[in-house]
Amino acid sequence: MSIQQQRTKKVYGVILDILADSGNGDVTFRAGDVGTKLRAEGQPLDAWEIRGEFSTLESEGLITLEEESGAWTLAQDTAKRQASC
């Protein structure tokens, strides 16, 4: 697995962690949320790197941008797969 693939996988895992840890049932996240969690884990990434990973995940059909709010969500198909697991 390339470094790029590992980074993408890590960012996606952090997204899933953020959503799972959300005690209020929030289903949205932002690049800042991911950045905060990565820094807490001792694996910081620049904002532009995180945003680039979001673009990769979006092109893979895993996350979707809510244009009105600027927040991100899991893609509908992804959310359904997560719920069935």
Protein backbone atom coordinates (compact mmCIF):
# COMPACT_ATOMS: atom_id res chain seq x y z
CA MET A 1 0.00 0.00 0.00
CA SER A 2 1.43 3.39 -1.00
CA ILE A 3 1.90 6.26 1.43
CA GLN A 4 -0.95 8.10 -0.31
CA GLN A 5 -3.29 5.13 0.15
CA GLN A 6 -2.28 4.82 3.80
CA ARG A 7 -3.00 8.51 4.39
CA THR A 8 -6.39 8.25 2.68
CA LYS A 9 -7.25 5.18 4.75
CA LYS A 10 -6.14 6.96 7.95
CA VAL A 11 -8.25 10.06 7.21
CA TYR A 12 -11.28 7.91 6.42
CA GLY A 13 -10.79 5.97 9.66
CA VAL A 14 -10.62 9.24 11.61
CA ILE A 15 -13.85 10.38 9.95
CA LEU A 16 -15.57 7.16 11.01
CA ASP A 17 -14.20 7.59 14.55
CA ILE A 18 -15.45 11.18 14.74
CA LEU A 19 -18.93 10.16 13.65
CA ALA A 20 -18.99 7.15 15.99
CA ASP A 21 -17.81 9.28 18.93
CA SER A 22 -20.41 11.96 18.29
CA GLY A 23 -22.66 11.68 21.32
CA ASN A 24 -25.25 14.01 19.84
CA GLY A 25 -25.84 11.94 16.72
CA ASP A 26 -24.13 14.46 14.45
CA VAL A 27 -23.58 13.06 10.97
CA THR A 28 -21.45 15.89 9.60
CA PHE A 29 -17.77 16.66 9.91
CA ARG A 30 -15.28 19.25 8.71
CA ALA A 31 -11.59 19.22 7.86
CA GLY A 32 -10.89 20.94 11.18
CA ASP A 33 -12.48 18.04 13.07
CA VAL A 34 -10.17 15.60 11.31
CA GLY A 35 -7.16 17.83 11.87
CA THR A 36 -7.88 18.13 15.59
CA LYS A 37 -8.17 14.37 16.01
CA LEU A 38 -5.01 13.68 14.01
CA ARG A 39 -3.03 16.20 16.09
CA ALA A 40 -4.32 14.56 19.28
CA GLU A 41 -3.05 11.23 17.95
CA GLY A 42 0.37 12.72 17.16
CA GLN A 43 -0.15 12.47 13.39
CA PRO A 44 -0.83 16.05 12.24
CA LEU A 45 -1.62 16.89 8.63
CA ASP A 46 -1.89 20.33 7.08
CA ALA A 47 -5.38 21.56 6.24
CA TRP A 48 -4.65 21.39 2.51
CA GLU A 49 -3.59 17.74 2.85
CA ILE A 50 -6.79 16.85 4.68
CA ARG A 51 -8.86 18.70 2.09
CA GLY A 52 -7.02 16.79 -0.63
CA GLU A 53 -7.89 13.51 1.07
CA PHE A 54 -11.53 14.64 1.23
CA SER A 55 -11.40 15.11 -2.56
CA THR A 56 -9.99 11.60 -2.96
CA LEU A 57 -12.67 10.12 -0.69
CA GLU A 58 -15.36 12.07 -2.52
CA SER A 59 -14.14 10.77 -5.89
CA GLU A 60 -14.27 7.23 -4.44
CA GLY A 61 -17.91 7.84 -3.49
CA LEU A 62 -17.31 7.56 0.27
CA ILE A 63 -18.10 11.12 1.41
CA THR A 64 -20.24 13.98 0.11
CA LEU A 65 -20.05 17.74 0.55
CA GLU A 66 -23.18 19.57 1.73
CA GLU A 67 -22.74 22.72 -0.32
CA GLU A 68 -25.15 24.82 1.74
CA SER A 69 -23.32 24.31 5.03
CA GLY A 70 -19.82 23.41 3.83
CA ALA A 71 -19.90 20.30 6.04
CA TRP A 72 -19.19 16.78 4.86
CA THR A 73 -21.19 13.58 5.40
CA LEU A 74 -20.75 9.94 4.57
CA ALA A 75 -22.22 9.16 1.17
CA GLN A 76 -25.63 7.55 1.38
CA ASP A 77 -24.39 4.18 0.13
CA THR A 78 -21.51 4.27 2.61
CA ALA A 79 -23.81 5.13 5.51
CA LYS A 80 -26.10 2.24 4.58
CA ARG A 81 -23.13 -0.16 4.41
CA GLN A 82 -21.88 1.02 7.81
CA ALA A 83 -25.33 0.53 9.37
CA SER A 84 -25.61 -3.00 8.03
CA CYS A 85 -22.22 -4.09 9.39
